[in-house]
Amino acid sequence: DQEEQLSSYENQVRYYTEVITRNPEYELVDIYADEGISGTNTKKRD
């Protein structure tokens, strides 16, 4: 949700995708990511 963090958005998605897919005990359902949206409430966090 911070402007300066937007550049790391794709990196974060890539990181968690790799963490889950490498662990044989995990099965990836989906990546849920709201880019640039404040976490103070959930109304606009699709």
ModelCIF file with pLDDT and N, C-alpha, C, O atoms, coordinates in Angstrom:
data_MODEL
#
_entry.id   MODEL 
#
_entity.id                         1 
_entity.type                       polymer 
_entity.pdbx_number_of_molecules   1 
#
_entity_poly.entity_id                      1 
_entity_poly.type                           'polypeptide(L)' 
_entity_poly.nstd_linkage                   no 
_entity_poly.nstd_monomer                   no 
_entity_poly.pdbx_seq_one_letter_code       DQEEQLSSYENQVRYYTEVITRNPEYELVDIYADEGISGTNTKKRD 
_entity_poly.pdbx_seq_one_letter_code_can   DQEEQLSSYENQVRYYTEVITRNPEYELVDIYADEGISGTNTKKRD 
_entity_poly.pdbx_strand_id                 A 
#
loop_
_entity_poly_seq.entity_id 
_entity_poly_seq.num 
_entity_poly_seq.mon_id 
_entity_poly_seq.hetero 
1 1  ASP n 
1 2  GLN n 
1 3  GLU n 
1 4  GLU n 
1 5  GLN n 
1 6  LEU n 
1 7  SER n 
1 8  SER n 
1 9  TYR n 
1 10 GLU n 
1 11 ASN n 
1 12 GLN n 
1 13 VAL n 
1 14 ARG n 
1 15 TYR n 
1 16 TYR n 
1 17 THR n 
1 18 GLU n 
1 19 VAL n 
1 20 ILE n 
1 21 THR n 
1 22 ARG n 
1 23 ASN n 
1 24 PRO n 
1 25 GLU n 
1 26 TYR n 
1 27 GLU n 
1 28 LEU n 
1 29 VAL n 
1 30 ASP n 
1 31 ILE n 
1 32 TYR n 
1 33 ALA n 
1 34 ASP n 
1 35 GLU n 
1 36 GLY n 
1 37 ILE n 
1 38 SER n 
1 39 GLY n 
1 40 THR n 
1 41 ASN n 
1 42 THR n 
1 43 LYS n 
1 44 LYS n 
1 45 ARG n 
1 46 ASP n 
#
_struct_asym.id          A 
_struct_asym.entity_id   1 
#
loop_
_ma_qa_metric.id 
_ma_qa_metric.mode 
_ma_qa_metric.name 
_ma_qa_metric.software_group_id 
_ma_qa_metric.type 
1 global pLDDT . pLDDT 
2 local  pLDDT . pLDDT 
#
_ma_qa_metric_global.metric_id      1 
_ma_qa_metric_global.metric_value   72.96 
_ma_qa_metric_global.model_id       1 
_ma_qa_metric_global.ordinal_id     1 
#
loop_
_ma_qa_metric_local.label_asym_id 
_ma_qa_metric_local.label_comp_id 
_ma_qa_metric_local.label_seq_id 
_ma_qa_metric_local.metric_id 
_ma_qa_metric_local.metric_value 
_ma_qa_metric_local.model_id 
_ma_qa_metric_local.ordinal_id 
A ASP 1  2 44.00 1 1  
A GLN 2  2 40.00 1 2  
A GLU 3  2 41.00 1 3  
A GLU 4  2 41.00 1 4  
A GLN 5  2 42.00 1 5  
A LEU 6  2 38.00 1 6  
A SER 7  2 46.00 1 7  
A SER 8  2 66.00 1 8  
A TYR 9  2 71.00 1 9  
A GLU 10 2 78.00 1 10 
A ASN 11 2 80.00 1 11 
A GLN 12 2 80.00 1 12 
A VAL 13 2 82.00 1 13 
A ARG 14 2 84.00 1 14 
A TYR 15 2 84.00 1 15 
A TYR 16 2 85.00 1 16 
A THR 17 2 86.00 1 17 
A GLU 18 2 87.00 1 18 
A VAL 19 2 86.00 1 19 
A ILE 20 2 88.00 1 20 
A THR 21 2 87.00 1 21 
A ARG 22 2 89.00 1 22 
A ASN 23 2 90.00 1 23 
A PRO 24 2 88.00 1 24 
A GLU 25 2 88.00 1 25 
A TYR 26 2 89.00 1 26 
A GLU 27 2 90.00 1 27 
A LEU 28 2 90.00 1 28 
A VAL 29 2 91.00 1 29 
A ASP 30 2 91.00 1 30 
A ILE 31 2 88.00 1 31 
A TYR 32 2 89.00 1 32 
A ALA 33 2 83.00 1 33 
A ASP 34 2 78.00 1 34 
A GLU 35 2 69.00 1 35 
A GLY 36 2 59.00 1 36 
A ILE 37 2 58.00 1 37 
A SER 38 2 54.00 1 38 
A GLY 39 2 47.00 1 39 
A THR 40 2 52.00 1 40 
A ASN 41 2 61.00 1 41 
A THR 42 2 66.00 1 42 
A LYS 43 2 68.00 1 43 
A LYS 44 2 73.00 1 44 
A ARG 45 2 83.00 1 45 
A ASP 46 2 86.00 1 46 
#
loop_
_atom_site.group_PDB 
_atom_site.id 
_atom_site.type_symbol 
_atom_site.label_atom_id 
_atom_site.label_alt_id 
_atom_site.label_comp_id 
_atom_site.label_asym_id 
_atom_site.label_entity_id 
_atom_site.label_seq_id 
_atom_site.pdbx_PDB_ins_code 
_atom_site.Cartn_x 
_atom_site.Cartn_y 
_atom_site.Cartn_z 
_atom_site.occupancy 
_atom_site.B_iso_or_equiv 
_atom_site.pdbx_formal_charge 
_atom_site.auth_seq_id 
_atom_site.auth_comp_id 
_atom_site.auth_asym_id 
_atom_site.auth_atom_id 
_atom_site.pdbx_PDB_model_num 
ATOM 1   N N  . ASP A 1 1  ? 0.791   -1.218  0.000  1.00 44.00 ? 1  ASP A N  1 
ATOM 2   C CA . ASP A 1 1  ? 0.000   0.000   0.000  1.00 44.00 ? 1  ASP A CA 1 
ATOM 3   C C  . ASP A 1 1  ? 0.823   1.268   0.000  1.00 44.00 ? 1  ASP A C  1 
ATOM 4   O O  . ASP A 1 1  ? 0.250   2.357   0.020  1.00 44.00 ? 1  ASP A O  1 
ATOM 5   N N  . GLN A 1 2  ? 2.112   1.180   -0.021 1.00 40.00 ? 2  GLN A N  1 
ATOM 6   C CA . GLN A 1 2  ? 2.949   2.368   -0.074 1.00 40.00 ? 2  GLN A CA 1 
ATOM 7   C C  . GLN A 1 2  ? 3.556   2.507   -1.461 1.00 40.00 ? 2  GLN A C  1 
ATOM 8   O O  . GLN A 1 2  ? 3.979   1.522   -2.066 1.00 40.00 ? 2  GLN A O  1 
ATOM 9   N N  . GLU A 1 3  ? 3.594   3.723   -1.952 1.00 41.00 ? 3  GLU A N  1 
ATOM 10  C CA . GLU A 1 3  ? 4.031   3.981   -3.314 1.00 41.00 ? 3  GLU A CA 1 
ATOM 11  C C  . GLU A 1 3  ? 5.410   3.414   -3.603 1.00 41.00 ? 3  GLU A C  1 
ATOM 12  O O  . GLU A 1 3  ? 5.668   2.858   -4.671 1.00 41.00 ? 3  GLU A O  1 
ATOM 13  N N  . GLU A 1 4  ? 6.291   3.572   -2.616 1.00 41.00 ? 4  GLU A N  1 
ATOM 14  C CA . GLU A 1 4  ? 7.639   3.098   -2.834 1.00 41.00 ? 4  GLU A CA 1 
ATOM 15  C C  . GLU A 1 4  ? 7.739   1.571   -2.843 1.00 41.00 ? 4  GLU A C  1 
ATOM 16  O O  . GLU A 1 4  ? 8.760   1.020   -3.255 1.00 41.00 ? 4  GLU A O  1 
ATOM 17  N N  . GLN A 1 5  ? 6.705   0.897   -2.400 1.00 42.00 ? 5  GLN A N  1 
ATOM 18  C CA . GLN A 1 5  ? 6.714   -0.552  -2.351 1.00 42.00 ? 5  GLN A CA 1 
ATOM 19  C C  . GLN A 1 5  ? 6.162   -1.196  -3.623 1.00 42.00 ? 5  GLN A C  1 
ATOM 20  O O  . GLN A 1 5  ? 6.289   -2.405  -3.818 1.00 42.00 ? 5  GLN A O  1 
ATOM 21  N N  . LEU A 1 6  ? 5.558   -0.394  -4.474 1.00 38.00 ? 6  LEU A N  1 
ATOM 22  C CA . LEU A 1 6  ? 4.937   -0.956  -5.649 1.00 38.00 ? 6  LEU A CA 1 
ATOM 23  C C  . LEU A 1 6  ? 5.932   -1.684  -6.543 1.00 38.00 ? 6  LEU A C  1 
ATOM 24  O O  . LEU A 1 6  ? 5.571   -2.645  -7.223 1.00 38.00 ? 6  LEU A O  1 
ATOM 25  N N  . SER A 1 7  ? 7.187   -1.228  -6.543 1.00 46.00 ? 7  SER A N  1 
ATOM 26  C CA . SER A 1 7  ? 8.205   -1.854  -7.368 1.00 46.00 ? 7  SER A CA 1 
ATOM 27  C C  . SER A 1 7  ? 8.509   -3.279  -6.928 1.00 46.00 ? 7  SER A C  1 
ATOM 28  O O  . SER A 1 7  ? 8.983   -4.082  -7.732 1.00 46.00 ? 7  SER A O  1 
ATOM 29  N N  . SER A 1 8  ? 8.241   -3.611  -5.658 1.00 66.00 ? 8  SER A N  1 
ATOM 30  C CA . SER A 1 8  ? 8.530   -4.940  -5.132 1.00 66.00 ? 8  SER A CA 1 
ATOM 31  C C  . SER A 1 8  ? 7.339   -5.881  -5.240 1.00 66.00 ? 8  SER A C  1 
ATOM 32  O O  . SER A 1 8  ? 7.421   -7.046  -4.850 1.00 66.00 ? 8  SER A O  1 
ATOM 33  N N  . TYR A 1 9  ? 6.239   -5.374  -5.770 1.00 71.00 ? 9  TYR A N  1 
ATOM 34  C CA . TYR A 1 9  ? 5.020   -6.167  -5.853 1.00 71.00 ? 9  TYR A CA 1 
ATOM 35  C C  . TYR A 1 9  ? 5.250   -7.495  -6.596 1.00 71.00 ? 9  TYR A C  1 
ATOM 36  O O  . TYR A 1 9  ? 4.933   -8.565  -6.075 1.00 71.00 ? 9  TYR A O  1 
ATOM 37  N N  . GLU A 1 10 ? 5.799   -7.418  -7.804 1.00 78.00 ? 10 GLU A N  1 
ATOM 38  C CA . GLU A 1 10 ? 6.024   -8.628  -8.590 1.00 78.00 ? 10 GLU A CA 1 
ATOM 39  C C  . GLU A 1 10 ? 7.006   -9.572  -7.910 1.00 78.00 ? 10 GLU A C  1 
ATOM 40  O O  . GLU A 1 10 ? 6.860   -10.792 -7.982 1.00 78.00 ? 10 GLU A O  1 
ATOM 41  N N  . ASN A 1 11 ? 8.001   -9.001  -7.253 1.00 80.00 ? 11 ASN A N  1 
ATOM 42  C CA . ASN A 1 11 ? 8.973   -9.828  -6.536 1.00 80.00 ? 11 ASN A CA 1 
ATOM 43  C C  . ASN A 1 11 ? 8.310   -10.608 -5.415 1.00 80.00 ? 11 ASN A C  1 
ATOM 44  O O  . ASN A 1 11 ? 8.608   -11.783 -5.204 1.00 80.00 ? 11 ASN A O  1 
ATOM 45  N N  . GLN A 1 12 ? 7.400   -9.942  -4.689 1.00 80.00 ? 12 GLN A N  1 
ATOM 46  C CA . GLN A 1 12 ? 6.706   -10.617 -3.608 1.00 80.00 ? 12 GLN A CA 1 
ATOM 47  C C  . GLN A 1 12 ? 5.839   -11.755 -4.131 1.00 80.00 ? 12 GLN A C  1 
ATOM 48  O O  . GLN A 1 12 ? 5.818   -12.841 -3.552 1.00 80.00 ? 12 GLN A O  1 
ATOM 49  N N  . VAL A 1 13 ? 5.129   -11.508 -5.218 1.00 82.00 ? 13 VAL A N  1 
ATOM 50  C CA . VAL A 1 13 ? 4.306   -12.558 -5.819 1.00 82.00 ? 13 VAL A CA 1 
ATOM 51  C C  . VAL A 1 13 ? 5.166   -13.737 -6.257 1.00 82.00 ? 13 VAL A C  1 
ATOM 52  O O  . VAL A 1 13 ? 4.806   -14.892 -6.028 1.00 82.00 ? 13 VAL A O  1 
ATOM 53  N N  . ARG A 1 14 ? 6.321   -13.443 -6.896 1.00 84.00 ? 14 ARG A N  1 
ATOM 54  C CA . ARG A 1 14 ? 7.233   -14.490 -7.355 1.00 84.00 ? 14 ARG A CA 1 
ATOM 55  C C  . ARG A 1 14 ? 7.789   -15.291 -6.180 1.00 84.00 ? 14 ARG A C  1 
ATOM 56  O O  . ARG A 1 14 ? 7.887   -16.517 -6.248 1.00 84.00 ? 14 ARG A O  1 
ATOM 57  N N  . TYR A 1 15 ? 8.148   -14.603 -5.115 1.00 84.00 ? 15 TYR A N  1 
ATOM 58  C CA . TYR A 1 15 ? 8.732   -15.252 -3.943 1.00 84.00 ? 15 TYR A CA 1 
ATOM 59  C C  . TYR A 1 15 ? 7.776   -16.282 -3.349 1.00 84.00 ? 15 TYR A C  1 
ATOM 60  O O  . TYR A 1 15 ? 8.158   -17.431 -3.131 1.00 84.00 ? 15 TYR A O  1 
ATOM 61  N N  . TYR A 1 16 ? 6.523   -15.872 -3.084 1.00 85.00 ? 16 TYR A N  1 
ATOM 62  C CA . TYR A 1 16 ? 5.588   -16.784 -2.448 1.00 85.00 ? 16 TYR A CA 1 
ATOM 63  C C  . TYR A 1 16 ? 5.139   -17.903 -3.374 1.00 85.00 ? 16 TYR A C  1 
ATOM 64  O O  . TYR A 1 16 ? 4.814   -18.999 -2.918 1.00 85.00 ? 16 TYR A O  1 
ATOM 65  N N  . THR A 1 17 ? 5.119   -17.634 -4.639 1.00 86.00 ? 17 THR A N  1 
ATOM 66  C CA . THR A 1 17 ? 4.817   -18.703 -5.592 1.00 86.00 ? 17 THR A CA 1 
ATOM 67  C C  . THR A 1 17 ? 5.886   -19.797 -5.526 1.00 86.00 ? 17 THR A C  1 
ATOM 68  O O  . THR A 1 17 ? 5.567   -20.986 -5.523 1.00 86.00 ? 17 THR A O  1 
ATOM 69  N N  . GLU A 1 18 ? 7.160   -19.384 -5.473 1.00 87.00 ? 18 GLU A N  1 
ATOM 70  C CA . GLU A 1 18 ? 8.266   -20.340 -5.389 1.00 87.00 ? 18 GLU A CA 1 
ATOM 71  C C  . GLU A 1 18 ? 8.278   -21.082 -4.062 1.00 87.00 ? 18 GLU A C  1 
ATOM 72  O O  . GLU A 1 18 ? 8.510   -22.290 -4.036 1.00 87.00 ? 18 GLU A O  1 
ATOM 73  N N  . VAL A 1 19 ? 8.029   -20.371 -2.942 1.00 86.00 ? 19 VAL A N  1 
ATOM 74  C CA . VAL A 1 19 ? 8.015   -21.000 -1.615 1.00 86.00 ? 19 VAL A CA 1 
ATOM 75  C C  . VAL A 1 19 ? 7.003   -22.129 -1.549 1.00 86.00 ? 19 VAL A C  1 
ATOM 76  O O  . VAL A 1 19 ? 7.293   -23.206 -1.029 1.00 86.00 ? 19 VAL A O  1 
ATOM 77  N N  . ILE A 1 20 ? 5.827   -21.879 -2.071 1.00 88.00 ? 20 ILE A N  1 
ATOM 78  C CA . ILE A 1 20 ? 4.747   -22.860 -1.982 1.00 88.00 ? 20 ILE A CA 1 
ATOM 79  C C  . ILE A 1 20 ? 4.950   -24.011 -2.956 1.00 88.00 ? 20 ILE A C  1 
ATOM 80  O O  . ILE A 1 20 ? 4.731   -25.167 -2.594 1.00 88.00 ? 20 ILE A O  1 
ATOM 81  N N  . THR A 1 21 ? 5.359   -23.723 -4.165 1.00 87.00 ? 21 THR A N  1 
ATOM 82  C CA . THR A 1 21 ? 5.523   -24.778 -5.161 1.00 87.00 ? 21 THR A CA 1 
ATOM 83  C C  . THR A 1 21 ? 6.713   -25.698 -4.842 1.00 87.00 ? 21 THR A C  1 
ATOM 84  O O  . THR A 1 21 ? 6.714   -26.863 -5.240 1.00 87.00 ? 21 THR A O  1 
ATOM 85  N N  . ARG A 1 22 ? 7.731   -25.181 -4.123 1.00 89.00 ? 22 ARG A N  1 
ATOM 86  C CA . ARG A 1 22 ? 8.878   -26.004 -3.757 1.00 89.00 ? 22 ARG A CA 1 
ATOM 87  C C  . ARG A 1 22 ? 8.580   -26.944 -2.588 1.00 89.00 ? 22 ARG A C  1 
ATOM 88  O O  . ARG A 1 22 ? 9.252   -27.963 -2.434 1.00 89.00 ? 22 ARG A O  1 
ATOM 89  N N  . ASN A 1 23 ? 7.602   -26.624 -1.780 1.00 90.00 ? 23 ASN A N  1 
ATOM 90  C CA . ASN A 1 23 ? 7.281   -27.455 -0.615 1.00 90.00 ? 23 ASN A CA 1 
ATOM 91  C C  . ASN A 1 23 ? 6.302   -28.540 -1.027 1.00 90.00 ? 23 ASN A C  1 
ATOM 92  O O  . ASN A 1 23 ? 5.186   -28.237 -1.448 1.00 90.00 ? 23 ASN A O  1 
ATOM 93  N N  . PRO A 1 24 ? 6.703   -29.811 -0.910 1.00 88.00 ? 24 PRO A N  1 
ATOM 94  C CA . PRO A 1 24 ? 5.821   -30.909 -1.334 1.00 88.00 ? 24 PRO A CA 1 
ATOM 95  C C  . PRO A 1 24 ? 4.558   -31.043 -0.488 1.00 88.00 ? 24 PRO A C  1 
ATOM 96  O O  . PRO A 1 24 ? 3.590   -31.670 -0.916 1.00 88.00 ? 24 PRO A O  1 
ATOM 97  N N  . GLU A 1 25 ? 4.562   -30.450 0.725  1.00 88.00 ? 25 GLU A N  1 
ATOM 98  C CA . GLU A 1 25 ? 3.389   -30.527 1.592  1.00 88.00 ? 25 GLU A CA 1 
ATOM 99  C C  . GLU A 1 25 ? 2.335   -29.484 1.238  1.00 88.00 ? 25 GLU A C  1 
ATOM 100 O O  . GLU A 1 25 ? 1.201   -29.528 1.713  1.00 88.00 ? 25 GLU A O  1 
ATOM 101 N N  . TYR A 1 26 ? 2.747   -28.546 0.388  1.00 89.00 ? 26 TYR A N  1 
ATOM 102 C CA . TYR A 1 26 ? 1.831   -27.464 -0.006 1.00 89.00 ? 26 TYR A CA 1 
ATOM 103 C C  . TYR A 1 26 ? 1.297   -27.691 -1.403 1.00 89.00 ? 26 TYR A C  1 
ATOM 104 O O  . TYR A 1 26 ? 1.980   -28.242 -2.265 1.00 89.00 ? 26 TYR A O  1 
ATOM 105 N N  . GLU A 1 27 ? 0.075   -27.262 -1.612 1.00 90.00 ? 27 GLU A N  1 
ATOM 106 C CA . GLU A 1 27 ? -0.514  -27.201 -2.942 1.00 90.00 ? 27 GLU A CA 1 
ATOM 107 C C  . GLU A 1 27 ? -1.041  -25.781 -3.138 1.00 90.00 ? 27 GLU A C  1 
ATOM 108 O O  . GLU A 1 27 ? -1.914  -25.326 -2.398 1.00 90.00 ? 27 GLU A O  1 
ATOM 109 N N  . LEU A 1 28 ? -0.513  -25.101 -4.123 1.00 90.00 ? 28 LEU A N  1 
ATOM 110 C CA . LEU A 1 28 ? -0.883  -23.700 -4.353 1.00 90.00 ? 28 LEU A CA 1 
ATOM 111 C C  . LEU A 1 28 ? -2.308  -23.599 -4.887 1.00 90.00 ? 28 LEU A C  1 
ATOM 112 O O  . LEU A 1 28 ? -2.631  -24.131 -5.949 1.00 90.00 ? 28 LEU A O  1 
ATOM 113 N N  . VAL A 1 29 ? -3.147  -22.912 -4.132 1.00 91.00 ? 29 VAL A N  1 
ATOM 114 C CA . VAL A 1 29 ? -4.513  -22.643 -4.579 1.00 91.00 ? 29 VAL A CA 1 
ATOM 115 C C  . VAL A 1 29 ? -4.528  -21.406 -5.465 1.00 91.00 ? 29 VAL A C  1 
ATOM 116 O O  . VAL A 1 29 ? -5.062  -21.431 -6.574 1.00 91.00 ? 29 VAL A O  1 
ATOM 117 N N  . ASP A 1 30 ? -3.931  -20.315 -4.963 1.00 91.00 ? 30 ASP A N  1 
ATOM 118 C CA . ASP A 1 30 ? -3.877  -19.058 -5.717 1.00 91.00 ? 30 ASP A CA 1 
ATOM 119 C C  . ASP A 1 30 ? -2.999  -18.066 -4.969 1.00 91.00 ? 30 ASP A C  1 
ATOM 120 O O  . ASP A 1 30 ? -2.695  -18.238 -3.789 1.00 91.00 ? 30 ASP A O  1 
ATOM 121 N N  . ILE A 1 31 ? -2.605  -17.031 -5.683 1.00 88.00 ? 31 ILE A N  1 
ATOM 122 C CA . ILE A 1 31 ? -1.930  -15.886 -5.085 1.00 88.00 ? 31 ILE A CA 1 
ATOM 123 C C  . ILE A 1 31 ? -2.950  -14.751 -5.010 1.00 88.00 ? 31 ILE A C  1 
ATOM 124 O O  . ILE A 1 31 ? -3.506  -14.332 -6.026 1.00 88.00 ? 31 ILE A O  1 
ATOM 125 N N  . TYR A 1 32 ? -3.186  -14.262 -3.797 1.00 89.00 ? 32 TYR A N  1 
ATOM 126 C CA . TYR A 1 32 ? -4.152  -13.194 -3.582 1.00 89.00 ? 32 TYR A CA 1 
ATOM 127 C C  . TYR A 1 32 ? -3.386  -11.927 -3.246 1.00 89.00 ? 32 TYR A C  1 
ATOM 128 O O  . TYR A 1 32 ? -2.792  -11.820 -2.173 1.00 89.00 ? 32 TYR A O  1 
ATOM 129 N N  . ALA A 1 33 ? -3.398  -10.984 -4.145 1.00 83.00 ? 33 ALA A N  1 
ATOM 130 C CA . ALA A 1 33 ? -2.577  -9.786  -3.968 1.00 83.00 ? 33 ALA A CA 1 
ATOM 131 C C  . ALA A 1 33 ? -3.328  -8.548  -4.423 1.00 83.00 ? 33 ALA A C  1 
ATOM 132 O O  . ALA A 1 33 ? -3.756  -8.468  -5.574 1.00 83.00 ? 33 ALA A O  1 
ATOM 133 N N  . ASP A 1 34 ? -3.492  -7.579  -3.527 1.00 78.00 ? 34 ASP A N  1 
ATOM 134 C CA . ASP A 1 34 ? -4.115  -6.297  -3.841 1.00 78.00 ? 34 ASP A CA 1 
ATOM 135 C C  . ASP A 1 34 ? -3.022  -5.257  -3.947 1.00 78.00 ? 34 ASP A C  1 
ATOM 136 O O  . ASP A 1 34 ? -2.466  -4.831  -2.935 1.00 78.00 ? 34 ASP A O  1 
ATOM 137 N N  . GLU A 1 35 ? -2.713  -4.850  -5.149 1.00 69.00 ? 35 GLU A N  1 
ATOM 138 C CA . GLU A 1 35 ? -1.599  -3.940  -5.379 1.00 69.00 ? 35 GLU A CA 1 
ATOM 139 C C  . GLU A 1 35 ? -1.993  -2.507  -5.087 1.00 69.00 ? 35 GLU A C  1 
ATOM 140 O O  . GLU A 1 35 ? -2.952  -1.981  -5.652 1.00 69.00 ? 35 GLU A O  1 
ATOM 141 N N  . GLY A 1 36 ? -1.230  -1.876  -4.185 1.00 59.00 ? 36 GLY A N  1 
ATOM 142 C CA . GLY A 1 36 ? -1.404  -0.455  -3.923 1.00 59.00 ? 36 GLY A CA 1 
ATOM 143 C C  . GLY A 1 36 ? -2.666  -0.097  -3.175 1.00 59.00 ? 36 GLY A C  1 
ATOM 144 O O  . GLY A 1 36 ? -3.091  1.058   -3.218 1.00 59.00 ? 36 GLY A O  1 
ATOM 145 N N  . ILE A 1 37 ? -3.292  -1.058  -2.479 1.00 58.00 ? 37 ILE A N  1 
ATOM 146 C CA . ILE A 1 37 ? -4.525  -0.816  -1.738 1.00 58.00 ? 37 ILE A CA 1 
ATOM 147 C C  . ILE A 1 37 ? -4.231  -0.827  -0.248 1.00 58.00 ? 37 ILE A C  1 
ATOM 148 O O  . ILE A 1 37 ? -3.538  -1.717  0.245  1.00 58.00 ? 37 ILE A O  1 
ATOM 149 N N  . SER A 1 38 ? -4.762  0.170   0.479  1.00 54.00 ? 38 SER A N  1 
ATOM 150 C CA . SER A 1 38 ? -4.545  0.259   1.913  1.00 54.00 ? 38 SER A CA 1 
ATOM 151 C C  . SER A 1 38 ? -5.170  -0.923  2.646  1.00 54.00 ? 38 SER A C  1 
ATOM 152 O O  . SER A 1 38 ? -6.226  -1.419  2.254  1.00 54.00 ? 38 SER A O  1 
ATOM 153 N N  . GLY A 1 39 ? -4.512  -1.366  3.709  1.00 47.00 ? 39 GLY A N  1 
ATOM 154 C CA . GLY A 1 39 ? -5.019  -2.458  4.513  1.00 47.00 ? 39 GLY A CA 1 
ATOM 155 C C  . GLY A 1 39 ? -5.842  -2.011  5.709  1.00 47.00 ? 39 GLY A C  1 
ATOM 156 O O  . GLY A 1 39 ? -6.186  -2.833  6.558  1.00 47.00 ? 39 GLY A O  1 
ATOM 157 N N  . THR A 1 40 ? -6.165  -0.725  5.797  1.00 52.00 ? 40 THR A N  1 
ATOM 158 C CA . THR A 1 40 ? -6.921  -0.232  6.942  1.00 52.00 ? 40 THR A CA 1 
ATOM 159 C C  . THR A 1 40 ? -8.358  -0.712  6.928  1.00 52.00 ? 40 THR A C  1 
ATOM 160 O O  . THR A 1 40 ? -8.987  -0.759  7.985  1.00 52.00 ? 40 THR A O  1 
ATOM 161 N N  . ASN A 1 41 ? -8.903  -1.070  5.778  1.00 61.00 ? 41 ASN A N  1 
ATOM 162 C CA . ASN A 1 41 ? -10.208 -1.713  5.715  1.00 61.00 ? 41 ASN A CA 1 
ATOM 163 C C  . ASN A 1 41 ? -10.236 -2.640  4.512  1.00 61.00 ? 41 ASN A C  1 
ATOM 164 O O  . ASN A 1 41 ? -9.344  -2.587  3.666  1.00 61.00 ? 41 ASN A O  1 
ATOM 165 N N  . THR A 1 42 ? -11.252 -3.487  4.429  1.00 66.00 ? 42 THR A N  1 
ATOM 166 C CA . THR A 1 42 ? -11.296 -4.529  3.403  1.00 66.00 ? 42 THR A CA 1 
ATOM 167 C C  . THR A 1 42 ? -12.299 -4.255  2.279  1.00 66.00 ? 42 THR A C  1 
ATOM 168 O O  . THR A 1 42 ? -12.459 -5.086  1.386  1.00 66.00 ? 42 THR A O  1 
ATOM 169 N N  . LYS A 1 43 ? -12.973 -3.110  2.310  1.00 68.00 ? 43 LYS A N  1 
ATOM 170 C CA . LYS A 1 43 ? -14.042 -2.843  1.355  1.00 68.00 ? 43 LYS A CA 1 
ATOM 171 C C  . LYS A 1 43 ? -13.566 -2.880  -0.091 1.00 68.00 ? 43 LYS A C  1 
ATOM 172 O O  . LYS A 1 43 ? -14.255 -3.428  -0.952 1.00 68.00 ? 43 LYS A O  1 
ATOM 173 N N  . LYS A 1 44 ? -12.393 -2.304  -0.373 1.00 73.00 ? 44 LYS A N  1 
ATOM 174 C CA . LYS A 1 44 ? -11.911 -2.208  -1.749 1.00 73.00 ? 44 LYS A CA 1 
ATOM 175 C C  . LYS A 1 44 ? -10.803 -3.211  -2.057 1.00 73.00 ? 44 LYS A C  1 
ATOM 176 O O  . LYS A 1 44 ? -10.150 -3.124  -3.097 1.00 73.00 ? 44 LYS A O  1 
ATOM 177 N N  . ARG A 1 45 ? -10.594 -4.164  -1.147 1.00 83.00 ? 45 ARG A N  1 
ATOM 178 C CA . ARG A 1 45 ? -9.547  -5.170  -1.354 1.00 83.00 ? 45 ARG A CA 1 
ATOM 179 C C  . ARG A 1 45 ? -10.171 -6.404  -2.012 1.00 83.00 ? 45 ARG A C  1 
ATOM 180 O O  . ARG A 1 45 ? -10.535 -7.369  -1.340 1.00 83.00 ? 45 ARG A O  1 
ATOM 181 N N  . ASP A 1 46 ? -10.282 -6.350  -3.318 1.00 86.00 ? 46 ASP A N  1 
ATOM 182 C CA . ASP A 1 46 ? -10.997 -7.402  -4.054 1.00 86.00 ? 46 ASP A CA 1 
ATOM 183 C C  . ASP A 1 46 ? -10.373 -8.776  -3.869 1.00 86.00 ? 46 ASP A C  1 
ATOM 184 O O  . ASP A 1 46 ? -10.865 -9.757  -4.427 1.00 86.00 ? 46 ASP A O  1 
#
